[in-house]
Amino acid sequence: MAFVPMTAGGGGSITETTLWTNNAPTSSFALQAVTLSDNISNYDYIVIEYRASTANDARFKVYFKSTDLDDYTSGNNCAMMGLYSSNSYFYYRIVRYDDDTTITFGSCYRNTAGGTSSANNGADIPLTIKGAKLQNVTLPS
């Protein structure tokens, strides 16, 4: 998975449609499957916006090419979104594609530089999942 800049130029456009919204965006977010309002296959990209933590409203986005999502179905083949900290630890949450309208977010974990891991569902909180359609947009190869 590679980062793809989502900008349109030369008459192109990007249209985003909200497929799911977290109704409790400042609360801890435990492992759960979410149901989307439309099929992932109807979009070029899936955009997941998430919040750093229950106390920190810094926001981040992760982009997944929709045709690659079926690679993220189980075990080590799942995608990951995460937040690195300067305090010798980082947070991460597994994102799994279940089917065309269901995505499962795993529990969030805090890993230290020493390799210990502990659950902390108060970080990497998913806020929205959007589908993005590209019209006349040239992507870098």
Protein backbone atom coordinates (compact mmCIF):
# COMPACT_ATOMS: atom_id res chain seq x y z
CA MET A 1 0.00 0.00 0.00
CA ALA A 2 1.39 3.38 -0.94
CA PHE A 3 0.29 6.89 -0.17
CA VAL A 4 -1.40 8.50 -3.15
CA PRO A 5 -1.84 12.28 -3.20
CA MET A 6 -5.52 13.03 -3.70
CA THR A 7 -5.48 16.21 -5.76
CA ALA A 8 -7.20 16.94 -9.03
CA GLY A 9 -5.97 19.25 -11.71
CA GLY A 10 -6.62 20.06 -15.34
CA GLY A 11 -10.38 19.78 -15.04
CA GLY A 12 -10.38 16.59 -12.96
CA SER A 13 -12.36 16.13 -9.79
CA ILE A 14 -12.54 13.98 -6.69
CA THR A 15 -15.93 13.24 -5.15
CA GLU A 16 -16.11 11.83 -1.62
CA THR A 17 -19.21 10.15 -0.18
CA THR A 18 -19.53 9.34 3.54
CA LEU A 19 -20.16 5.60 3.96
CA TRP A 20 -19.97 5.40 7.76
CA THR A 21 -19.68 7.84 10.70
CA ASN A 22 -18.69 7.11 14.28
CA ASN A 23 -21.54 8.41 16.46
CA ALA A 24 -19.32 8.63 19.57
CA PRO A 25 -16.08 10.17 18.21
CA THR A 26 -14.64 11.15 21.61
CA SER A 27 -15.19 7.74 23.24
CA SER A 28 -12.97 4.65 23.29
CA PHE A 29 -13.46 2.43 20.25
CA ALA A 30 -13.24 -1.32 20.89
CA LEU A 31 -12.88 -4.04 18.26
CA GLN A 32 -15.98 -3.97 16.05
CA ALA A 33 -17.33 -4.49 12.57
CA VAL A 34 -18.99 -1.50 10.89
CA THR A 35 -21.54 -1.63 8.10
CA LEU A 36 -21.14 0.79 5.21
CA SER A 37 -24.04 2.51 3.45
CA ASP A 38 -22.77 1.56 -0.03
CA ASN A 39 -20.53 -1.03 -1.71
CA ILE A 40 -16.80 -0.37 -1.57
CA SER A 41 -16.51 -1.55 -5.18
CA ASN A 42 -18.45 1.55 -6.29
CA TYR A 43 -15.41 3.74 -5.41
CA ASP A 44 -11.81 4.12 -6.52
CA TYR A 45 -10.47 4.73 -3.01
CA ILE A 46 -11.65 4.28 0.56
CA VAL A 47 -10.62 7.08 2.93
CA ILE A 48 -10.56 6.44 6.69
CA GLU A 49 -10.28 9.51 8.90
CA TYR A 50 -9.32 8.90 12.49
CA ARG A 51 -8.66 10.87 15.64
CA ALA A 52 -5.43 10.58 17.65
CA SER A 53 -7.17 9.80 20.96
CA THR A 54 -10.14 10.56 23.18
CA ALA A 55 -8.23 13.59 24.52
CA ASN A 56 -6.41 14.69 21.35
CA ASP A 57 -8.45 15.83 18.33
CA ALA A 58 -5.53 15.71 15.89
CA ARG A 59 -6.89 14.03 12.76
CA PHE A 60 -5.29 11.78 10.18
CA LYS A 61 -6.41 10.06 6.99
CA VAL A 62 -5.48 6.72 5.47
CA TYR A 63 -6.21 5.95 1.81
CA PHE A 64 -6.83 2.45 0.46
CA LYS A 65 -7.26 1.64 -3.21
CA SER A 66 -10.64 -0.11 -3.28
CA THR A 67 -9.48 -2.81 -5.71
CA ASP A 68 -6.70 -3.77 -3.27
CA LEU A 69 -8.94 -4.13 -0.20
CA ASP A 70 -9.62 -7.82 -0.75
CA ASP A 71 -5.92 -8.35 0.07
CA TYR A 72 -6.73 -7.27 3.65
CA THR A 73 -9.05 -10.10 4.67
CA SER A 74 -7.31 -12.01 7.47
CA GLY A 75 -4.25 -12.48 9.65
CA ASN A 76 -1.12 -10.64 8.61
CA ASN A 77 -2.75 -9.48 5.39
CA CYS A 78 -4.74 -6.80 7.19
CA ALA A 79 -4.11 -3.12 6.70
CA MET A 80 -2.96 -0.99 9.60
CA MET A 81 -3.46 2.60 10.63
CA GLY A 82 -1.31 4.04 13.35
CA LEU A 83 0.04 7.02 15.20
CA TYR A 84 3.68 7.33 16.18
CA SER A 85 4.73 9.19 19.30
CA SER A 86 8.03 10.82 20.23
CA ASN A 87 7.85 9.13 23.64
CA SER A 88 9.26 5.76 22.49
CA TYR A 89 5.92 4.16 21.74
CA PHE A 90 3.34 4.01 18.99
CA TYR A 91 -0.32 3.10 18.59
CA TYR A 92 -1.78 0.94 15.87
CA ARG A 93 -5.12 -0.54 14.89
CA ILE A 94 -5.73 -3.34 12.37
CA VAL A 95 -8.30 -2.67 9.62
CA ARG A 96 -9.81 -5.75 7.97
CA TYR A 97 -11.97 -5.94 4.85
CA ASP A 98 -14.79 -8.43 5.51
CA ASP A 99 -16.92 -7.91 2.41
CA ASP A 100 -18.08 -5.11 0.13
CA THR A 101 -20.10 -3.40 2.87
CA THR A 102 -18.31 -4.44 6.09
CA ILE A 103 -14.98 -3.37 7.60
CA THR A 104 -13.71 -4.55 10.98
CA PHE A 105 -11.52 -2.34 13.14
CA GLY A 106 -9.41 -4.31 15.58
CA SER A 107 -8.56 -3.15 19.08
CA CYS A 108 -5.95 -0.41 19.31
CA TYR A 109 -2.57 -1.36 20.80
CA ARG A 110 0.23 0.66 22.30
CA ASN A 111 3.69 -0.76 21.60
CA THR A 112 6.79 0.42 23.41
CA ALA A 113 10.31 0.55 22.03
CA GLY A 114 11.05 -2.53 24.14
CA GLY A 115 8.39 -4.51 22.28
CA THR A 116 5.70 -4.79 24.93
CA SER A 117 2.14 -4.33 23.73
CA SER A 118 -1.02 -3.40 25.59
CA ALA A 119 -4.58 -2.65 24.44
CA ASN A 120 -5.60 1.01 24.49
CA ASN A 121 -8.87 1.61 22.65
CA GLY A 122 -8.74 5.30 23.52
CA ALA A 123 -6.35 5.95 20.60
CA ASP A 124 -6.58 5.75 16.79
CA ILE A 125 -10.35 6.27 16.93
CA PRO A 126 -12.04 5.88 13.53
CA LEU A 127 -14.25 8.89 12.70
CA THR A 128 -15.47 8.37 9.13
CA ILE A 129 -15.12 6.04 6.19
CA LYS A 130 -15.60 7.71 2.82
CA GLY A 131 -15.63 6.43 -0.72
CA ALA A 132 -13.72 8.54 -3.25
CA LYS A 133 -14.41 8.62 -6.99
CA LEU A 134 -11.85 10.12 -9.33
CA GLN A 135 -12.83 11.77 -12.60
CA ASN A 136 -10.12 12.74 -15.10
CA VAL A 137 -7.39 12.51 -12.45
CA THR A 138 -3.90 11.34 -13.37
CA LEU A 139 -2.21 9.43 -10.57
CA PRO A 140 1.55 9.05 -10.26
CA SER A 141 2.82 5.67 -11.44
